[in-house]
Amino acid sequence: MDMNLYLVEWWAKERLLEIRNAVQREQLAESTRQRQPLRVALGLALISTGRKLEGRARRVDAQARTLPARS
């Protein structure tokens, strides 16, 4: 059975309209979300950097303890 081209076009237009409406809703929701203040973002970045550096220092300390001492 052949599909009616008019019906296929109508379905496509309806689906595109649904997608466009969904995108508009997402854009509206995104525009109303508040961003973190700069001081909060900077503070979190500094904490993250400190934790990474601390992890590296712990690995170096652990390696130094496991290596045999040279005489």
PDB file of N, CA and C in Angstrom:
ATOM      1  N   MET A   1       0.838  -1.170   0.000  1.00  0.00           N
ATOM      2  CA  MET A   1       0.000   0.000   0.000  1.00  0.00           C
ATOM      3  C   MET A   1       0.891   1.243   0.000  1.00  0.00           C
ATOM      4  N   ASP A   2       0.630   2.133  -0.922  1.00  0.00           N
ATOM      5  CA  ASP A   2       1.421   3.351  -1.041  1.00  0.00           C
ATOM      6  C   ASP A   2       0.999   4.373   0.010  1.00  0.00           C
ATOM      7  N   MET A   3       2.010   5.099   0.515  1.00  0.00           N
ATOM      8  CA  MET A   3       1.725   6.157   1.476  1.00  0.00           C
ATOM      9  C   MET A   3       1.261   7.396   0.717  1.00  0.00           C
ATOM     10  N   ASN A   4       0.307   8.058   1.249  1.00  0.00           N
ATOM     11  CA  ASN A   4      -0.172   9.296   0.678  1.00  0.00           C
ATOM     12  C   ASN A   4       0.884  10.370   0.955  1.00  0.00           C
ATOM     13  N   LEU A   5       1.417  11.001  -0.086  1.00  0.00           N
ATOM     14  CA  LEU A   5       2.470  12.007   0.085  1.00  0.00           C
ATOM     15  C   LEU A   5       1.986  13.190   0.921  1.00  0.00           C
ATOM     16  N   TYR A   6       0.734  13.552   0.748  1.00  0.00           N
ATOM     17  CA  TYR A   6       0.185  14.644   1.555  1.00  0.00           C
ATOM     18  C   TYR A   6       0.253  14.296   3.037  1.00  0.00           C
ATOM     19  N   LEU A   7      -0.097  13.061   3.386  1.00  0.00           N
ATOM     20  CA  LEU A   7      -0.079  12.629   4.775  1.00  0.00           C
ATOM     21  C   LEU A   7       1.348  12.613   5.334  1.00  0.00           C
ATOM     22  N   VAL A   8       2.298  12.140   4.539  1.00  0.00           N
ATOM     23  CA  VAL A   8       3.703  12.104   4.969  1.00  0.00           C
ATOM     24  C   VAL A   8       4.217  13.518   5.201  1.00  0.00           C
ATOM     25  N   GLU A   9       3.895  14.439   4.299  1.00  0.00           N
ATOM     26  CA  GLU A   9       4.319  15.833   4.466  1.00  0.00           C
ATOM     27  C   GLU A   9       3.690  16.441   5.721  1.00  0.00           C
ATOM     28  N   TRP A  10       2.427  16.153   5.969  1.00  0.00           N
ATOM     29  CA  TRP A  10       1.751  16.680   7.146  1.00  0.00           C
ATOM     30  C   TRP A  10       2.407  16.160   8.419  1.00  0.00           C
ATOM     31  N   TRP A  11       2.716  14.851   8.455  1.00  0.00           N
ATOM     32  CA  TRP A  11       3.399  14.272   9.617  1.00  0.00           C
ATOM     33  C   TRP A  11       4.760  14.939   9.844  1.00  0.00           C
ATOM     34  N   ALA A  12       5.499  15.146   8.756  1.00  0.00           N
ATOM     35  CA  ALA A  12       6.821  15.771   8.873  1.00  0.00           C
ATOM     36  C   ALA A  12       6.697  17.193   9.418  1.00  0.00           C
ATOM     37  N   LYS A  13       5.718  17.949   8.890  1.00  0.00           N
ATOM     38  CA  LYS A  13       5.531  19.326   9.373  1.00  0.00           C
ATOM     39  C   LYS A  13       5.134  19.348  10.849  1.00  0.00           C
ATOM     40  N   GLU A  14       4.262  18.442  11.247  1.00  0.00           N
ATOM     41  CA  GLU A  14       3.856  18.364  12.653  1.00  0.00           C
ATOM     42  C   GLU A  14       5.046  18.029  13.558  1.00  0.00           C
ATOM     43  N   ARG A  15       5.851  17.084  13.133  1.00  0.00           N
ATOM     44  CA  ARG A  15       7.022  16.686  13.930  1.00  0.00           C
ATOM     45  C   ARG A  15       8.020  17.836  14.031  1.00  0.00           C
ATOM     46  N   LEU A  16       8.262  18.528  12.924  1.00  0.00           N
ATOM     47  CA  LEU A  16       9.174  19.678  12.956  1.00  0.00           C
ATOM     48  C   LEU A  16       8.639  20.770  13.877  1.00  0.00           C
ATOM     49  N   LEU A  17       7.326  20.981  13.861  1.00  0.00           N
ATOM     50  CA  LEU A  17       6.733  21.981  14.746  1.00  0.00           C
ATOM     51  C   LEU A  17       6.936  21.590  16.212  1.00  0.00           C
ATOM     52  N   GLU A  18       6.762  20.307  16.537  1.00  0.00           N
ATOM     53  CA  GLU A  18       6.991  19.827  17.902  1.00  0.00           C
ATOM     54  C   GLU A  18       8.442  20.043  18.318  1.00  0.00           C
ATOM     55  N   ILE A  19       9.374  19.747  17.421  1.00  0.00           N
ATOM     56  CA  ILE A  19      10.806  19.899  17.723  1.00  0.00           C
ATOM     57  C   ILE A  19      11.144  21.371  17.934  1.00  0.00           C
ATOM     58  N   ARG A  20      10.624  22.240  17.073  1.00  0.00           N
ATOM     59  CA  ARG A  20      10.891  23.679  17.218  1.00  0.00           C
ATOM     60  C   ARG A  20      10.358  24.205  18.546  1.00  0.00           C
ATOM     61  N   ASN A  21       9.156  23.772  18.908  1.00  0.00           N
ATOM     62  CA  ASN A  21       8.581  24.200  20.190  1.00  0.00           C
ATOM     63  C   ASN A  21       9.414  23.705  21.365  1.00  0.00           C
ATOM     64  N   ALA A  22       9.891  22.482  21.284  1.00  0.00           N
ATOM     65  CA  ALA A  22      10.727  21.943  22.354  1.00  0.00           C
ATOM     66  C   ALA A  22      12.033  22.728  22.477  1.00  0.00           C
ATOM     67  N   VAL A  23      12.628  23.080  21.349  1.00  0.00           N
ATOM     68  CA  VAL A  23      13.877  23.862  21.365  1.00  0.00           C
ATOM     69  C   VAL A  23      13.630  25.237  21.968  1.00  0.00           C
ATOM     70  N   GLN A  24      12.517  25.858  21.606  1.00  0.00           N
ATOM     71  CA  GLN A  24      12.199  27.169  22.173  1.00  0.00           C
ATOM     72  C   GLN A  24      12.003  27.091  23.686  1.00  0.00           C
ATOM     73  N   ARG A  25      11.338  26.031  24.166  1.00  0.00           N
ATOM     74  CA  ARG A  25      11.158  25.860  25.608  1.00  0.00           C
ATOM     75  C   ARG A  25      12.506  25.679  26.310  1.00  0.00           C
ATOM     76  N   GLU A  26      13.388  24.885  25.707  1.00  0.00           N
ATOM     77  CA  GLU A  26      14.721  24.684  26.290  1.00  0.00           C
ATOM     78  C   GLU A  26      15.507  25.985  26.332  1.00  0.00           C
ATOM     79  N   GLN A  27      15.437  26.762  25.251  1.00  0.00           N
ATOM     80  CA  GLN A  27      16.161  28.037  25.213  1.00  0.00           C
ATOM     81  C   GLN A  27      15.618  29.005  26.255  1.00  0.00           C
ATOM     82  N   LEU A  28      14.303  29.025  26.426  1.00  0.00           N
ATOM     83  CA  LEU A  28      13.700  29.889  27.435  1.00  0.00           C
ATOM     84  C   LEU A  28      14.122  29.456  28.834  1.00  0.00           C
ATOM     85  N   ALA A  29      14.100  28.163  29.090  1.00  0.00           N
ATOM     86  CA  ALA A  29      14.511  27.657  30.401  1.00  0.00           C
ATOM     87  C   ALA A  29      15.982  27.967  30.663  1.00  0.00           C
ATOM     88  N   GLU A  30      16.815  27.825  29.654  1.00  0.00           N
ATOM     89  CA  GLU A  30      18.247  28.096  29.806  1.00  0.00           C
ATOM     90  C   GLU A  30      18.492  29.582  30.088  1.00  0.00           C
ATOM     91  N   SER A  31      17.714  30.442  29.471  1.00  0.00           N
ATOM     92  CA  SER A  31      17.918  31.878  29.657  1.00  0.00           C
ATOM     93  C   SER A  31      17.520  32.334  31.059  1.00  0.00           C
ATOM     94  N   THR A  32      16.636  31.587  31.719  1.00  0.00           N
ATOM     95  CA  THR A  32      16.200  32.007  33.047  1.00  0.00           C
ATOM     96  C   THR A  32      17.058  31.419  34.159  1.00  0.00           C
ATOM     97  N   ARG A  33      17.900  30.452  33.847  1.00  0.00           N
ATOM     98  CA  ARG A  33      18.761  29.866  34.874  1.00  0.00           C
ATOM     99  C   ARG A  33      19.824  30.868  35.288  1.00  0.00           C
ATOM    100  N   GLN A  34      20.067  30.920  36.582  1.00  0.00           N
ATOM    101  CA  GLN A  34      21.084  31.836  37.078  1.00  0.00           C
ATOM    102  C   GLN A  34      22.442  31.145  37.084  1.00  0.00           C
ATOM    103  N   ARG A  35      23.420  31.892  36.673  1.00  0.00           N
ATOM    104  CA  ARG A  35      24.785  31.371  36.697  1.00  0.00           C
ATOM    105  C   ARG A  35      25.399  31.621  38.062  1.00  0.00           C
ATOM    106  N   GLN A  36      26.445  30.838  38.344  1.00  0.00           N
ATOM    107  CA  GLN A  36      27.155  31.040  39.608  1.00  0.00           C
ATOM    108  C   GLN A  36      27.905  32.363  39.552  1.00  0.00           C
ATOM    109  N   PRO A  37      27.975  33.056  40.676  1.00  0.00           N
ATOM    110  CA  PRO A  37      28.794  34.263  40.711  1.00  0.00           C
ATOM    111  C   PRO A  37      30.266  33.903  40.433  1.00  0.00           C
ATOM    112  N   LEU A  38      31.002  34.871  39.929  1.00  0.00           N
ATOM    113  CA  LEU A  38      32.407  34.652  39.588  1.00  0.00           C
ATOM    114  C   LEU A  38      33.205  34.187  40.794  1.00  0.00           C
ATOM    115  N   ARG A  39      32.932  34.750  41.951  1.00  0.00           N
ATOM    116  CA  ARG A  39      33.699  34.365  43.145  1.00  0.00           C
ATOM    117  C   ARG A  39      33.474  32.905  43.513  1.00  0.00           C
ATOM    118  N   VAL A  40      32.257  32.394  43.272  1.00  0.00           N
ATOM    119  CA  VAL A  40      31.981  30.988  43.565  1.00  0.00           C
ATOM    120  C   VAL A  40      32.721  30.098  42.571  1.00  0.00           C
ATOM    121  N   ALA A  41      32.661  30.441  41.297  1.00  0.00           N
ATOM    122  CA  ALA A  41      33.346  29.654  40.273  1.00  0.00           C
ATOM    123  C   ALA A  41      34.863  29.662  40.505  1.00  0.00           C
ATOM    124  N   LEU A  42      35.404  30.822  40.857  1.00  0.00           N
ATOM    125  CA  LEU A  42      36.837  30.919  41.118  1.00  0.00           C
ATOM    126  C   LEU A  42      37.222  30.105  42.345  1.00  0.00           C
ATOM    127  N   GLY A  43      36.420  30.177  43.387  1.00  0.00           N
ATOM    128  CA  GLY A  43      36.698  29.407  44.600  1.00  0.00           C
ATOM    129  C   GLY A  43      36.691  27.910  44.328  1.00  0.00           C
ATOM    130  N   LEU A  44      35.702  27.433  43.572  1.00  0.00           N
ATOM    131  CA  LEU A  44      35.644  26.013  43.249  1.00  0.00           C
ATOM    132  C   LEU A  44      36.836  25.583  42.389  1.00  0.00           C
ATOM    133  N   ALA A  45      37.259  26.453  41.476  1.00  0.00           N
ATOM    134  CA  ALA A  45      38.420  26.141  40.642  1.00  0.00           C
ATOM    135  C   ALA A  45      39.682  26.044  41.498  1.00  0.00           C
ATOM    136  N   LEU A  46      39.838  26.938  42.455  1.00  0.00           N
ATOM    137  CA  LEU A  46      41.011  26.899  43.331  1.00  0.00           C
ATOM    138  C   LEU A  46      41.007  25.646  44.204  1.00  0.00           C
ATOM    139  N   ILE A  47      39.848  25.274  44.701  1.00  0.00           N
ATOM    140  CA  ILE A  47      39.750  24.054  45.515  1.00  0.00           C
ATOM    141  C   ILE A  47      40.121  22.837  44.684  1.00  0.00           C
ATOM    142  N   SER A  48      39.606  22.774  43.467  1.00  0.00           N
ATOM    143  CA  SER A  48      39.910  21.650  42.578  1.00  0.00           C
ATOM    144  C   SER A  48      41.404  21.569  42.273  1.00  0.00           C
ATOM    145  N   THR A  49      42.009  22.715  41.993  1.00  0.00           N
ATOM    146  CA  THR A  49      43.452  22.748  41.710  1.00  0.00           C
ATOM    147  C   THR A  49      44.250  22.303  42.928  1.00  0.00           C
ATOM    148  N   GLY A  50      43.864  22.774  44.111  1.00  0.00           N
ATOM    149  CA  GLY A  50      44.554  22.382  45.338  1.00  0.00           C
ATOM    150  C   GLY A  50      44.473  20.887  45.583  1.00  0.00           C
ATOM    151  N   ARG A  51      43.316  20.308  45.324  1.00  0.00           N
ATOM    152  CA  ARG A  51      43.170  18.862  45.519  1.00  0.00           C
ATOM    153  C   ARG A  51      44.033  18.078  44.538  1.00  0.00           C
ATOM    154  N   LYS A  52      44.114  18.563  43.295  1.00  0.00           N
ATOM    155  CA  LYS A  52      44.966  17.888  42.313  1.00  0.00           C
ATOM    156  C   LYS A  52      46.436  17.963  42.725  1.00  0.00           C
ATOM    157  N   LEU A  53      46.857  19.137  43.166  1.00  0.00           N
ATOM    158  CA  LEU A  53      48.252  19.291  43.601  1.00  0.00           C
ATOM    159  C   LEU A  53      48.538  18.453  44.835  1.00  0.00           C
ATOM    160  N   GLU A  54      47.610  18.389  45.734  1.00  0.00           N
ATOM    161  CA  GLU A  54      47.776  17.582  46.942  1.00  0.00           C
ATOM    162  C   GLU A  54      47.898  16.105  46.569  1.00  0.00           C
ATOM    163  N   GLY A  55      47.111  15.664  45.614  1.00  0.00           N
ATOM    164  CA  GLY A  55      47.182  14.271  45.171  1.00  0.00           C
ATOM    165  C   GLY A  55      48.530  13.945  44.574  1.00  0.00           C
ATOM    166  N   ARG A  56      49.097  14.863  43.806  1.00  0.00           N
ATOM    167  CA  ARG A  56      50.424  14.648  43.214  1.00  0.00           C
ATOM    168  C   ARG A  56      51.483  14.571  44.302  1.00  0.00           C
ATOM    169  N   ALA A  57      51.377  15.453  45.293  1.00  0.00           N
ATOM    170  CA  ALA A  57      52.362  15.464  46.381  1.00  0.00           C
ATOM    171  C   ALA A  57      52.292  14.159  47.171  1.00  0.00           C
ATOM    172  N   ARG A  58      51.107  13.642  47.377  1.00  0.00           N
ATOM    173  CA  ARG A  58      50.975  12.381  48.102  1.00  0.00           C
ATOM    174  C   ARG A  58      51.591  11.232  47.318  1.00  0.00           C
ATOM    175  N   ARG A  59      51.412  11.248  46.003  1.00  0.00           N
ATOM    176  CA  ARG A  59      52.008  10.180  45.188  1.00  0.00           C
ATOM    177  C   ARG A  59      53.522  10.245  45.241  1.00  0.00           C
ATOM    178  N   VAL A  60      54.082  11.453  45.193  1.00  0.00           N
ATOM    179  CA  VAL A  60      55.536  11.610  45.253  1.00  0.00           C
ATOM    180  C   VAL A  60      56.047  11.132  46.613  1.00  0.00           C
ATOM    181  N   ASP A  61      55.342  11.481  47.698  1.00  0.00           N
ATOM    182  CA  ASP A  61      55.744  11.032  49.035  1.00  0.00           C
ATOM    183  C   ASP A  61      55.694   9.517  49.140  1.00  0.00           C
ATOM    184  N   ALA A  62      54.661   8.924  48.590  1.00  0.00           N
ATOM    185  CA  ALA A  62      54.519   7.469  48.658  1.00  0.00           C
ATOM    186  C   ALA A  62      55.631   6.777  47.870  1.00  0.00           C
ATOM    187  N   GLN A  63      55.982   7.331  46.721  1.00  0.00           N
ATOM    188  CA  GLN A  63      57.075   6.742  45.932  1.00  0.00           C
ATOM    189  C   GLN A  63      58.403   6.879  46.653  1.00  0.00           C
ATOM    190  N   ALA A  64      58.621   8.005  47.305  1.00  0.00           N
ATOM    191  CA  ALA A  64      59.872   8.231  48.021  1.00  0.00           C
ATOM    192  C   ALA A  64      60.015   7.245  49.178  1.00  0.00           C
ATOM    193  N   ARG A  65      58.925   6.879  49.809  1.00  0.00           N
ATOM    194  CA  ARG A  65      58.980   5.944  50.921  1.00  0.00           C
ATOM    195  C   ARG A  65      59.239   4.533  50.449  1.00  0.00           C
ATOM    196  N   THR A  66      58.800   4.165  49.264  1.00  0.00           N
ATOM    197  CA  THR A  66      58.943   2.790  48.785  1.00  0.00           C
ATOM    198  C   THR A  66      60.281   2.550  48.106  1.00  0.00           C
ATOM    199  N   LEU A  67      60.961   3.601  47.644  1.00  0.00           N
ATOM    200  CA  LEU A  67      62.251   3.412  46.993  1.00  0.00           C
ATOM    201  C   LEU A  67      63.332   3.120  48.024  1.00  0.00           C
ATOM    202  N   PRO A  68      64.233   2.184  47.719  1.00  0.00           N
ATOM    203  CA  PRO A  68      65.314   1.912  48.660  1.00  0.00           C
ATOM    204  C   PRO A  68      66.298   3.090  48.704  1.00  0.00           C
ATOM    205  N   ALA A  69      66.849   3.308  49.859  1.00  0.00           N
ATOM    206  CA  ALA A  69      67.813   4.413  50.030  1.00  0.00           C
ATOM    207  C   ALA A  69      69.149   4.038  49.400  1.00  0.00           C
ATOM    208  N   ARG A  70      69.766   5.005  48.707  1.00  0.00           N
ATOM    209  CA  ARG A  70      71.080   4.780  48.086  1.00  0.00           C
ATOM    210  C   ARG A  70      72.176   5.118  49.091  1.00  0.00           C
ATOM    211  N   SER A  71      73.238   4.349  49.032  1.00  0.00           N
ATOM    212  CA  SER A  71      74.329   4.656  49.933  1.00  0.00           C
ATOM    213  C   SER A  71      75.578   5.002  49.185  1.00  0.00           C
TER     214      SER A  71
END
